[in-house]
Amino acid sequence: RQAPGAERELVAYISGVSGKTQYAEFVE
């Protein structure tokens, strides 16, 4: 995501191979 005036930042990802998911801390 990218808010006005901010850098683009990761929210989450998911691997189709391993199934691993990862979330940014702000997701909580």
mmCIF file of all heavy atoms, coordinates in Angstrom:
data_MODEL
# 
_entry.id   MODEL 
# 
loop_
_atom_site.group_PDB 
_atom_site.id 
_atom_site.type_symbol 
_atom_site.label_atom_id 
_atom_site.label_alt_id 
_atom_site.label_comp_id 
_atom_site.label_asym_id 
_atom_site.label_entity_id 
_atom_site.label_seq_id 
_atom_site.pdbx_PDB_ins_code 
_atom_site.Cartn_x 
_atom_site.Cartn_y 
_atom_site.Cartn_z 
_atom_site.occupancy 
_atom_site.B_iso_or_equiv 
_atom_site.pdbx_formal_charge 
_atom_site.auth_seq_id 
_atom_site.auth_comp_id 
_atom_site.auth_asym_id 
_atom_site.auth_atom_id 
_atom_site.pdbx_PDB_model_num 
ATOM 1   N N   . ARG A 1 1  ? 0.836  -1.184  0.000  1.00 0.00 ? 1  ARG A N   1 
ATOM 2   C CA  . ARG A 1 1  ? 0.000  0.000   0.000  1.00 0.00 ? 1  ARG A CA  1 
ATOM 3   C C   . ARG A 1 1  ? 0.875  1.240   0.000  1.00 0.00 ? 1  ARG A C   1 
ATOM 4   O O   . ARG A 1 1  ? 2.026  1.208   0.443  1.00 0.00 ? 1  ARG A O   1 
ATOM 5   C CB  . ARG A 1 1  ? -0.955 0.023   1.193  1.00 0.00 ? 1  ARG A CB  1 
ATOM 6   C CG  . ARG A 1 1  ? -0.285 0.251   2.545  1.00 0.00 ? 1  ARG A CG  1 
ATOM 7   C CD  . ARG A 1 1  ? -1.311 0.179   3.661  1.00 0.00 ? 1  ARG A CD  1 
ATOM 8   N NE  . ARG A 1 1  ? -0.737 0.551   4.941  1.00 0.00 ? 1  ARG A NE  1 
ATOM 9   C CZ  . ARG A 1 1  ? -1.380 0.485   6.089  1.00 0.00 ? 1  ARG A CZ  1 
ATOM 10  N NH1 . ARG A 1 1  ? -2.650 0.054   6.127  1.00 0.00 ? 1  ARG A NH1 1 
ATOM 11  N NH2 . ARG A 1 1  ? -0.786 0.849   7.218  1.00 0.00 ? 1  ARG A NH2 1 
ATOM 12  N N   . GLN A 1 2  ? 0.316  2.317   -0.506 1.00 0.00 ? 2  GLN A N   1 
ATOM 13  C CA  . GLN A 1 2  ? 1.012  3.590   -0.549 1.00 0.00 ? 2  GLN A CA  1 
ATOM 14  C C   . GLN A 1 2  ? 0.029  4.698   -0.211 1.00 0.00 ? 2  GLN A C   1 
ATOM 15  O O   . GLN A 1 2  ? -0.914 4.950   -0.959 1.00 0.00 ? 2  GLN A O   1 
ATOM 16  C CB  . GLN A 1 2  ? 1.639  3.832   -1.920 1.00 0.00 ? 2  GLN A CB  1 
ATOM 17  C CG  . GLN A 1 2  ? 2.531  5.060   -1.960 1.00 0.00 ? 2  GLN A CG  1 
ATOM 18  C CD  . GLN A 1 2  ? 3.395  5.101   -3.206 1.00 0.00 ? 2  GLN A CD  1 
ATOM 19  O OE1 . GLN A 1 2  ? 3.097  4.454   -4.201 1.00 0.00 ? 2  GLN A OE1 1 
ATOM 20  N NE2 . GLN A 1 2  ? 4.480  5.848   -3.139 1.00 0.00 ? 2  GLN A NE2 1 
ATOM 21  N N   . ALA A 1 3  ? 0.263  5.327   0.919  1.00 0.00 ? 3  ALA A N   1 
ATOM 22  C CA  . ALA A 1 3  ? -0.547 6.449   1.349  1.00 0.00 ? 3  ALA A CA  1 
ATOM 23  C C   . ALA A 1 3  ? 0.008  7.735   0.741  1.00 0.00 ? 3  ALA A C   1 
ATOM 24  O O   . ALA A 1 3  ? 1.176  7.794   0.345  1.00 0.00 ? 3  ALA A O   1 
ATOM 25  C CB  . ALA A 1 3  ? -0.561 6.543   2.869  1.00 0.00 ? 3  ALA A CB  1 
ATOM 26  N N   . PRO A 1 4  ? -0.811 8.781   0.671  1.00 0.00 ? 4  PRO A N   1 
ATOM 27  C CA  . PRO A 1 4  ? -0.316 10.055  0.136  1.00 0.00 ? 4  PRO A CA  1 
ATOM 28  C C   . PRO A 1 4  ? 0.913  10.545  0.900  1.00 0.00 ? 4  PRO A C   1 
ATOM 29  O O   . PRO A 1 4  ? 0.914  10.590  2.130  1.00 0.00 ? 4  PRO A O   1 
ATOM 30  C CB  . PRO A 1 4  ? -1.499 10.996  0.326  1.00 0.00 ? 4  PRO A CB  1 
ATOM 31  C CG  . PRO A 1 4  ? -2.699 10.104  0.322  1.00 0.00 ? 4  PRO A CG  1 
ATOM 32  C CD  . PRO A 1 4  ? -2.247 8.845   1.006  1.00 0.00 ? 4  PRO A CD  1 
ATOM 33  N N   . GLY A 1 5  ? 1.954  10.885  0.169  1.00 0.00 ? 5  GLY A N   1 
ATOM 34  C CA  . GLY A 1 5  ? 3.166  11.391  0.777  1.00 0.00 ? 5  GLY A CA  1 
ATOM 35  C C   . GLY A 1 5  ? 4.042  10.352  1.436  1.00 0.00 ? 5  GLY A C   1 
ATOM 36  O O   . GLY A 1 5  ? 5.047  10.713  2.059  1.00 0.00 ? 5  GLY A O   1 
ATOM 37  N N   . ALA A 1 6  ? 3.682  9.093   1.327  1.00 0.00 ? 6  ALA A N   1 
ATOM 38  C CA  . ALA A 1 6  ? 4.431  8.018   1.965  1.00 0.00 ? 6  ALA A CA  1 
ATOM 39  C C   . ALA A 1 6  ? 5.027  7.081   0.930  1.00 0.00 ? 6  ALA A C   1 
ATOM 40  O O   . ALA A 1 6  ? 4.647  7.090   -0.247 1.00 0.00 ? 6  ALA A O   1 
ATOM 41  C CB  . ALA A 1 6  ? 3.527  7.237   2.917  1.00 0.00 ? 6  ALA A CB  1 
ATOM 42  N N   . GLU A 1 7  ? 5.963  6.282   1.382  1.00 0.00 ? 7  GLU A N   1 
ATOM 43  C CA  . GLU A 1 7  ? 6.548  5.266   0.524  1.00 0.00 ? 7  GLU A CA  1 
ATOM 44  C C   . GLU A 1 7  ? 5.640  4.049   0.447  1.00 0.00 ? 7  GLU A C   1 
ATOM 45  O O   . GLU A 1 7  ? 4.853  3.778   1.357  1.00 0.00 ? 7  GLU A O   1 
ATOM 46  C CB  . GLU A 1 7  ? 7.921  4.856   1.051  1.00 0.00 ? 7  GLU A CB  1 
ATOM 47  C CG  . GLU A 1 7  ? 8.945  5.979   1.075  1.00 0.00 ? 7  GLU A CG  1 
ATOM 48  C CD  . GLU A 1 7  ? 9.268  6.469   -0.314 1.00 0.00 ? 7  GLU A CD  1 
ATOM 49  O OE1 . GLU A 1 7  ? 9.418  5.636   -1.230 1.00 0.00 ? 7  GLU A OE1 1 
ATOM 50  O OE2 . GLU A 1 7  ? 9.372  7.691   -0.493 1.00 0.00 ? 7  GLU A OE2 1 
ATOM 51  N N   . ARG A 1 8  ? 5.761  3.317   -0.622 1.00 0.00 ? 8  ARG A N   1 
ATOM 52  C CA  . ARG A 1 8  ? 5.032  2.069   -0.746 1.00 0.00 ? 8  ARG A CA  1 
ATOM 53  C C   . ARG A 1 8  ? 5.574  1.066   0.269  1.00 0.00 ? 8  ARG A C   1 
ATOM 54  O O   . ARG A 1 8  ? 6.791  0.916   0.416  1.00 0.00 ? 8  ARG A O   1 
ATOM 55  C CB  . ARG A 1 8  ? 5.161  1.528   -2.167 1.00 0.00 ? 8  ARG A CB  1 
ATOM 56  C CG  . ARG A 1 8  ? 4.207  0.398   -2.481 1.00 0.00 ? 8  ARG A CG  1 
ATOM 57  C CD  . ARG A 1 8  ? 4.226  0.033   -3.965 1.00 0.00 ? 8  ARG A CD  1 
ATOM 58  N NE  . ARG A 1 8  ? 3.810  1.155   -4.806 1.00 0.00 ? 8  ARG A NE  1 
ATOM 59  C CZ  . ARG A 1 8  ? 3.575  1.058   -6.104 1.00 0.00 ? 8  ARG A CZ  1 
ATOM 60  N NH1 . ARG A 1 8  ? 3.692  -0.108  -6.728 1.00 0.00 ? 8  ARG A NH1 1 
ATOM 61  N NH2 . ARG A 1 8  ? 3.215  2.134   -6.789 1.00 0.00 ? 8  ARG A NH2 1 
ATOM 62  N N   . GLU A 1 9  ? 4.677  0.391   0.970  1.00 0.00 ? 9  GLU A N   1 
ATOM 63  C CA  . GLU A 1 9  ? 5.084  -0.524  2.009  1.00 0.00 ? 9  GLU A CA  1 
ATOM 64  C C   . GLU A 1 9  ? 4.355  -1.852  1.882  1.00 0.00 ? 9  GLU A C   1 
ATOM 65  O O   . GLU A 1 9  ? 3.206  -1.912  1.438  1.00 0.00 ? 9  GLU A O   1 
ATOM 66  C CB  . GLU A 1 9  ? 4.835  0.078   3.402  1.00 0.00 ? 9  GLU A CB  1 
ATOM 67  C CG  . GLU A 1 9  ? 3.380  0.378   3.698  1.00 0.00 ? 9  GLU A CG  1 
ATOM 68  C CD  . GLU A 1 9  ? 3.166  1.001   5.066  1.00 0.00 ? 9  GLU A CD  1 
ATOM 69  O OE1 . GLU A 1 9  ? 4.083  0.948   5.905  1.00 0.00 ? 9  GLU A OE1 1 
ATOM 70  O OE2 . GLU A 1 9  ? 2.067  1.549   5.303  1.00 0.00 ? 9  GLU A OE2 1 
ATOM 71  N N   . LEU A 1 10 ? 5.031  -2.894  2.305  1.00 0.00 ? 10 LEU A N   1 
ATOM 72  C CA  . LEU A 1 10 ? 4.453  -4.225  2.269  1.00 0.00 ? 10 LEU A CA  1 
ATOM 73  C C   . LEU A 1 10 ? 3.331  -4.341  3.283  1.00 0.00 ? 10 LEU A C   1 
ATOM 74  O O   . LEU A 1 10 ? 3.460  -3.917  4.431  1.00 0.00 ? 10 LEU A O   1 
ATOM 75  C CB  . LEU A 1 10 ? 5.528  -5.269  2.578  1.00 0.00 ? 10 LEU A CB  1 
ATOM 76  C CG  . LEU A 1 10 ? 5.046  -6.720  2.663  1.00 0.00 ? 10 LEU A CG  1 
ATOM 77  C CD1 . LEU A 1 10 ? 4.676  -7.249  1.286  1.00 0.00 ? 10 LEU A CD1 1 
ATOM 78  C CD2 . LEU A 1 10 ? 6.122  -7.594  3.296  1.00 0.00 ? 10 LEU A CD2 1 
ATOM 79  N N   . VAL A 1 11 ? 2.227  -4.942  2.867  1.00 0.00 ? 11 VAL A N   1 
ATOM 80  C CA  . VAL A 1 11 ? 1.135  -5.292  3.761  1.00 0.00 ? 11 VAL A CA  1 
ATOM 81  C C   . VAL A 1 11 ? 1.202  -6.777  4.114  1.00 0.00 ? 11 VAL A C   1 
ATOM 82  O O   . VAL A 1 11 ? 1.152  -7.146  5.291  1.00 0.00 ? 11 VAL A O   1 
ATOM 83  C CB  . VAL A 1 11 ? -0.227 -4.951  3.142  1.00 0.00 ? 11 VAL A CB  1 
ATOM 84  C CG1 . VAL A 1 11 ? -1.360 -5.364  4.076  1.00 0.00 ? 11 VAL A CG1 1 
ATOM 85  C CG2 . VAL A 1 11 ? -0.314 -3.467  2.820  1.00 0.00 ? 11 VAL A CG2 1 
ATOM 86  N N   . ALA A 1 12 ? 1.308  -7.628  3.105  1.00 0.00 ? 12 ALA A N   1 
ATOM 87  C CA  . ALA A 1 12 ? 1.327  -9.066  3.324  1.00 0.00 ? 12 ALA A CA  1 
ATOM 88  C C   . ALA A 1 12 ? 1.804  -9.761  2.067  1.00 0.00 ? 12 ALA A C   1 
ATOM 89  O O   . ALA A 1 12 ? 1.712  -9.213  0.970  1.00 0.00 ? 12 ALA A O   1 
ATOM 90  C CB  . ALA A 1 12 ? -0.062 -9.589  3.706  1.00 0.00 ? 12 ALA A CB  1 
ATOM 91  N N   . TYR A 1 13 ? 2.291  -10.984 2.241  1.00 0.00 ? 13 TYR A N   1 
ATOM 92  C CA  . TYR A 1 13 ? 2.569  -11.819 1.089  1.00 0.00 ? 13 TYR A CA  1 
ATOM 93  C C   . TYR A 1 13 ? 2.233  -13.262 1.403  1.00 0.00 ? 13 TYR A C   1 
ATOM 94  O O   . TYR A 1 13 ? 2.120  -13.656 2.565  1.00 0.00 ? 13 TYR A O   1 
ATOM 95  C CB  . TYR A 1 13 ? 4.015  -11.678 0.587  1.00 0.00 ? 13 TYR A CB  1 
ATOM 96  C CG  . TYR A 1 13 ? 5.106  -12.278 1.457  1.00 0.00 ? 13 TYR A CG  1 
ATOM 97  C CD1 . TYR A 1 13 ? 5.331  -13.652 1.488  1.00 0.00 ? 13 TYR A CD1 1 
ATOM 98  C CD2 . TYR A 1 13 ? 5.945  -11.456 2.205  1.00 0.00 ? 13 TYR A CD2 1 
ATOM 99  C CE1 . TYR A 1 13 ? 6.345  -14.190 2.267  1.00 0.00 ? 13 TYR A CE1 1 
ATOM 100 C CE2 . TYR A 1 13 ? 6.960  -11.993 2.978  1.00 0.00 ? 13 TYR A CE2 1 
ATOM 101 C CZ  . TYR A 1 13 ? 7.160  -13.364 3.003  1.00 0.00 ? 13 TYR A CZ  1 
ATOM 102 O OH  . TYR A 1 13 ? 8.170  -13.893 3.770  1.00 0.00 ? 13 TYR A OH  1 
ATOM 103 N N   . ILE A 1 14 ? 2.089  -14.035 0.349  1.00 0.00 ? 14 ILE A N   1 
ATOM 104 C CA  . ILE A 1 14 ? 1.817  -15.460 0.465  1.00 0.00 ? 14 ILE A CA  1 
ATOM 105 C C   . ILE A 1 14 ? 2.583  -16.191 -0.624 1.00 0.00 ? 14 ILE A C   1 
ATOM 106 O O   . ILE A 1 14 ? 2.594  -15.776 -1.782 1.00 0.00 ? 14 ILE A O   1 
ATOM 107 C CB  . ILE A 1 14 ? 0.303  -15.758 0.398  1.00 0.00 ? 14 ILE A CB  1 
ATOM 108 C CG1 . ILE A 1 14 ? 0.023  -17.252 0.568  1.00 0.00 ? 14 ILE A CG1 1 
ATOM 109 C CG2 . ILE A 1 14 ? -0.313 -15.230 -0.896 1.00 0.00 ? 14 ILE A CG2 1 
ATOM 110 C CD1 . ILE A 1 14 ? -1.447 -17.562 0.796  1.00 0.00 ? 14 ILE A CD1 1 
ATOM 111 N N   . SER A 1 15 ? 3.216  -17.283 -0.262 1.00 0.00 ? 15 SER A N   1 
ATOM 112 C CA  . SER A 1 15 ? 3.944  -18.107 -1.209 1.00 0.00 ? 15 SER A CA  1 
ATOM 113 C C   . SER A 1 15 ? 3.046  -19.226 -1.724 1.00 0.00 ? 15 SER A C   1 
ATOM 114 O O   . SER A 1 15 ? 2.497  -20.002 -0.935 1.00 0.00 ? 15 SER A O   1 
ATOM 115 C CB  . SER A 1 15 ? 5.187  -18.713 -0.565 1.00 0.00 ? 15 SER A CB  1 
ATOM 116 O OG  . SER A 1 15 ? 5.768  -19.681 -1.418 1.00 0.00 ? 15 SER A OG  1 
ATOM 117 N N   . GLY A 1 16 ? 2.919  -19.318 -3.036 1.00 0.00 ? 16 GLY A N   1 
ATOM 118 C CA  . GLY A 1 16 ? 2.153  -20.400 -3.615 1.00 0.00 ? 16 GLY A CA  1 
ATOM 119 C C   . GLY A 1 16 ? 2.834  -21.746 -3.512 1.00 0.00 ? 16 GLY A C   1 
ATOM 120 O O   . GLY A 1 16 ? 2.177  -22.780 -3.650 1.00 0.00 ? 16 GLY A O   1 
ATOM 121 N N   . VAL A 1 17 ? 4.139  -21.768 -3.272 1.00 0.00 ? 17 VAL A N   1 
ATOM 122 C CA  . VAL A 1 17 ? 4.892  -23.010 -3.167 1.00 0.00 ? 17 VAL A CA  1 
ATOM 123 C C   . VAL A 1 17 ? 4.882  -23.530 -1.736 1.00 0.00 ? 17 VAL A C   1 
ATOM 124 O O   . VAL A 1 17 ? 4.537  -24.690 -1.489 1.00 0.00 ? 17 VAL A O   1 
ATOM 125 C CB  . VAL A 1 17 ? 6.339  -22.818 -3.656 1.00 0.00 ? 17 VAL A CB  1 
ATOM 126 C CG1 . VAL A 1 17 ? 7.148  -24.094 -3.439 1.00 0.00 ? 17 VAL A CG1 1 
ATOM 127 C CG2 . VAL A 1 17 ? 6.345  -22.417 -5.117 1.00 0.00 ? 17 VAL A CG2 1 
ATOM 128 N N   . SER A 1 18 ? 5.266  -22.699 -0.792 1.00 0.00 ? 18 SER A N   1 
ATOM 129 C CA  . SER A 1 18 ? 5.383  -23.127 0.593  1.00 0.00 ? 18 SER A CA  1 
ATOM 130 C C   . SER A 1 18 ? 4.128  -22.884 1.414  1.00 0.00 ? 18 SER A C   1 
ATOM 131 O O   . SER A 1 18 ? 3.954  -23.502 2.465  1.00 0.00 ? 18 SER A O   1 
ATOM 132 C CB  . SER A 1 18 ? 6.560  -22.420 1.265  1.00 0.00 ? 18 SER A CB  1 
ATOM 133 O OG  . SER A 1 18 ? 6.277  -21.048 1.461  1.00 0.00 ? 18 SER A OG  1 
ATOM 134 N N   . GLY A 1 19 ? 3.282  -21.975 0.976  1.00 0.00 ? 19 GLY A N   1 
ATOM 135 C CA  . GLY A 1 19 ? 2.134  -21.582 1.765  1.00 0.00 ? 19 GLY A CA  1 
ATOM 136 C C   . GLY A 1 19 ? 2.438  -20.551 2.831  1.00 0.00 ? 19 GLY A C   1 
ATOM 137 O O   . GLY A 1 19 ? 1.527  -20.112 3.542  1.00 0.00 ? 19 GLY A O   1 
ATOM 138 N N   . LYS A 1 20 ? 3.686  -20.165 2.957  1.00 0.00 ? 20 LYS A N   1 
ATOM 139 C CA  . LYS A 1 20 ? 4.065  -19.200 3.983  1.00 0.00 ? 20 LYS A CA  1 
ATOM 140 C C   . LYS A 1 20 ? 3.388  -17.865 3.747  1.00 0.00 ? 20 LYS A C   1 
ATOM 141 O O   . LYS A 1 20 ? 3.309  -17.382 2.622  1.00 0.00 ? 20 LYS A O   1 
ATOM 142 C CB  . LYS A 1 20 ? 5.585  -19.009 3.999  1.00 0.00 ? 20 LYS A CB  1 
ATOM 143 C CG  . LYS A 1 20 ? 6.065  -17.994 5.013  1.00 0.00 ? 20 LYS A CG  1 
ATOM 144 C CD  . LYS A 1 20 ? 7.569  -17.814 4.948  1.00 0.00 ? 20 LYS A CD  1 
ATOM 145 C CE  . LYS A 1 20 ? 8.039  -16.755 5.917  1.00 0.00 ? 20 LYS A CE  1 
ATOM 146 N NZ  . LYS A 1 20 ? 9.506  -16.569 5.854  1.00 0.00 ? 20 LYS A NZ  1 
ATOM 147 N N   . THR A 1 21 ? 2.905  -17.291 4.820  1.00 0.00 ? 21 THR A N   1 
ATOM 148 C CA  . THR A 1 21 ? 2.370  -15.943 4.795  1.00 0.00 ? 21 THR A CA  1 
ATOM 149 C C   . THR A 1 21 ? 3.167  -15.064 5.734  1.00 0.00 ? 21 THR A C   1 
ATOM 150 O O   . THR A 1 21 ? 3.739  -15.524 6.725  1.00 0.00 ? 21 THR A O   1 
ATOM 151 C CB  . THR A 1 21 ? 0.888  -15.911 5.190  1.00 0.00 ? 21 THR A CB  1 
ATOM 152 O OG1 . THR A 1 21 ? 0.733  -16.445 6.507  1.00 0.00 ? 21 THR A OG1 1 
ATOM 153 C CG2 . THR A 1 21 ? 0.049  -16.725 4.214  1.00 0.00 ? 21 THR A CG2 1 
ATOM 154 N N   . GLN A 1 22 ? 3.194  -13.800 5.422  1.00 0.00 ? 22 GLN A N   1 
ATOM 155 C CA  . GLN A 1 22 ? 3.886  -12.823 6.247  1.00 0.00 ? 22 GLN A CA  1 
ATOM 156 C C   . GLN A 1 22 ? 3.093  -11.534 6.210  1.00 0.00 ? 22 GLN A C   1 
ATOM 157 O O   . GLN A 1 22 ? 2.587  -11.129 5.157  1.00 0.00 ? 22 GLN A O   1 
ATOM 158 C CB  . GLN A 1 22 ? 5.310  -12.591 5.745  1.00 0.00 ? 22 GLN A CB  1 
ATOM 159 C CG  . GLN A 1 22 ? 6.133  -11.632 6.599  1.00 0.00 ? 22 GLN A CG  1 
ATOM 160 C CD  . GLN A 1 22 ? 6.556  -12.245 7.911  1.00 0.00 ? 22 GLN A CD  1 
ATOM 161 O OE1 . GLN A 1 22 ? 6.885  -13.417 7.992  1.00 0.00 ? 22 GLN A OE1 1 
ATOM 162 N NE2 . GLN A 1 22 ? 6.540  -11.437 8.959  1.00 0.00 ? 22 GLN A NE2 1 
ATOM 163 N N   . TYR A 1 23 ? 3.001  -10.886 7.366  1.00 0.00 ? 23 TYR A N   1 
ATOM 164 C CA  . TYR A 1 23 ? 2.247  -9.652  7.484  1.00 0.00 ? 23 TYR A CA  1 
ATOM 165 C C   . TYR A 1 23 ? 3.108  -8.565  8.087  1.00 0.00 ? 23 TYR A C   1 
ATOM 166 O O   . TYR A 1 23 ? 3.968  -8.824  8.934  1.00 0.00 ? 23 TYR A O   1 
ATOM 167 C CB  . TYR A 1 23 ? 1.014  -9.852  8.367  1.00 0.00 ? 23 TYR A CB  1 
ATOM 168 C CG  . TYR A 1 23 ? 0.020  -10.836 7.812  1.00 0.00 ? 23 TYR A CG  1 
ATOM 169 C CD1 . TYR A 1 23 ? 0.090  -12.184 8.131  1.00 0.00 ? 23 TYR A CD1 1 
ATOM 170 C CD2 . TYR A 1 23 ? -0.995 -10.417 6.957  1.00 0.00 ? 23 TYR A CD2 1 
ATOM 171 C CE1 . TYR A 1 23 ? -0.821 -13.094 7.620  1.00 0.00 ? 23 TYR A CE1 1 
ATOM 172 C CE2 . TYR A 1 23 ? -1.909 -11.319 6.436  1.00 0.00 ? 23 TYR A CE2 1 
ATOM 173 C CZ  . TYR A 1 23 ? -1.821 -12.648 6.771  1.00 0.00 ? 23 TYR A CZ  1 
ATOM 174 O OH  . TYR A 1 23 ? -2.730 -13.545 6.262  1.00 0.00 ? 23 TYR A OH  1 
ATOM 175 N N   . ALA A 1 24 ? 2.858  -7.345  7.663  1.00 0.00 ? 24 ALA A N   1 
ATOM 176 C CA  . ALA A 1 24 ? 3.486  -6.209  8.304  1.00 0.00 ? 24 ALA A CA  1 
ATOM 177 C C   . ALA A 1 24 ? 3.002  -6.091  9.740  1.00 0.00 ? 24 ALA A C   1 
ATOM 178 O O   . ALA A 1 24 ? 1.896  -6.522  10.078 1.00 0.00 ? 24 ALA A O   1 
ATOM 179 C CB  . ALA A 1 24 ? 3.153  -4.923  7.541  1.00 0.00 ? 24 ALA A CB  1 
ATOM 180 N N   . GLU A 1 25 ? 3.850  -5.506  10.590 1.00 0.00 ? 25 GLU A N   1 
ATOM 181 C CA  . GLU A 1 25 ? 3.483  -5.383  11.996 1.00 0.00 ? 25 GLU A CA  1 
ATOM 182 C C   . GLU A 1 25 ? 2.202  -4.589  12.199 1.00 0.00 ? 25 GLU A C   1 
ATOM 183 O O   . GLU A 1 25 ? 1.435  -4.883  13.120 1.00 0.00 ? 25 GLU A O   1 
ATOM 184 C CB  . GLU A 1 25 ? 4.632  -4.741  12.778 1.00 0.00 ? 25 GLU A CB  1 
ATOM 185 C CG  . GLU A 1 25 ? 5.841  -5.644  12.939 1.00 0.00 ? 25 GLU A CG  1 
ATOM 186 C CD  . GLU A 1 25 ? 6.886  -5.054  13.859 1.00 0.00 ? 25 GLU A CD  1 
ATOM 187 O OE1 . GLU A 1 25 ? 6.697  -3.904  14.322 1.00 0.00 ? 25 GLU A OE1 1 
ATOM 188 O OE2 . GLU A 1 25 ? 7.893  -5.721  14.122 1.00 0.00 ? 25 GLU A OE2 1 
ATOM 189 N N   . PHE A 1 26 ? 1.961  -3.597  11.350 1.00 0.00 ? 26 PHE A N   1 
ATOM 190 C CA  . PHE A 1 26 ? 0.776  -2.776  11.559 1.00 0.00 ? 26 PHE A CA  1 
ATOM 191 C C   . PHE A 1 26 ? -0.519 -3.528  11.300 1.00 0.00 ? 26 PHE A C   1 
ATOM 192 O O   . PHE A 1 26 ? -1.589 -3.040  11.674 1.00 0.00 ? 26 PHE A O   1 
ATOM 193 C CB  . PHE A 1 26 ? 0.838  -1.512  10.689 1.00 0.00 ? 26 PHE A CB  1 
ATOM 194 C CG  . PHE A 1 26 ? 0.835  -1.747  9.207  1.00 0.00 ? 26 PHE A CG  1 
ATOM 195 C CD1 . PHE A 1 26 ? -0.328 -2.108  8.538  1.00 0.00 ? 26 PHE A CD1 1 
ATOM 196 C CD2 . PHE A 1 26 ? 1.994  -1.581  8.467  1.00 0.00 ? 26 PHE A CD2 1 
ATOM 197 C CE1 . PHE A 1 26 ? -0.344 -2.310  7.174  1.00 0.00 ? 26 PHE A CE1 1 
ATOM 198 C CE2 . PHE A 1 26 ? 1.997  -1.781  7.091  1.00 0.00 ? 26 PHE A CE2 1 
ATOM 199 C CZ  . PHE A 1 26 ? 0.821  -2.149  6.449  1.00 0.00 ? 26 PHE A CZ  1 
ATOM 200 N N   . VAL A 1 27 ? -0.447 -4.702  10.677 1.00 0.00 ? 27 VAL A N   1 
ATOM 201 C CA  . VAL A 1 27 ? -1.656 -5.477  10.423 1.00 0.00 ? 27 VAL A CA  1 
ATOM 202 C C   . VAL A 1 27 ? -2.306 -5.938  11.725 1.00 0.00 ? 27 VAL A C   1 
ATOM 203 O O   . VAL A 1 27 ? -3.540 -5.927  11.853 1.00 0.00 ? 27 VAL A O   1 
ATOM 204 C CB  . VAL A 1 27 ? -1.328 -6.667  9.510  1.00 0.00 ? 27 VAL A CB  1 
ATOM 205 C CG1 . VAL A 1 27 ? -2.490 -7.662  9.468  1.00 0.00 ? 27 VAL A CG1 1 
ATOM 206 C CG2 . VAL A 1 27 ? -1.000 -6.176  8.110  1.00 0.00 ? 27 VAL A CG2 1 
ATOM 207 N N   . GLU A 1 28 ? -1.497 -6.375  12.660 1.00 0.00 ? 28 GLU A N   1 
ATOM 208 C CA  . GLU A 1 28 ? -1.964 -6.754  14.003 1.00 0.00 ? 28 GLU A CA  1 
ATOM 209 C C   . GLU A 1 28 ? -3.137 -7.729  13.957 1.00 0.00 ? 28 GLU A C   1 
ATOM 210 O O   . GLU A 1 28 ? -4.142 -7.543  14.647 1.00 0.00 ? 28 GLU A O   1 
ATOM 211 C CB  . GLU A 1 28 ? -2.325 -5.503  14.801 1.00 0.00 ? 28 GLU A CB  1 
ATOM 212 C CG  . GLU A 1 28 ? -1.149 -4.577  15.027 1.00 0.00 ? 28 GLU A CG  1 
ATOM 213 C CD  . GLU A 1 28 ? -1.527 -3.324  15.783 1.00 0.00 ? 28 GLU A CD  1 
ATOM 214 O OE1 . GLU A 1 28 ? -2.731 -3.025  15.918 1.00 0.00 ? 28 GLU A OE1 1 
ATOM 215 O OE2 . GLU A 1 28 ? -0.599 -2.633  16.256 1.00 0.00 ? 28 GLU A OE2 1 
# 
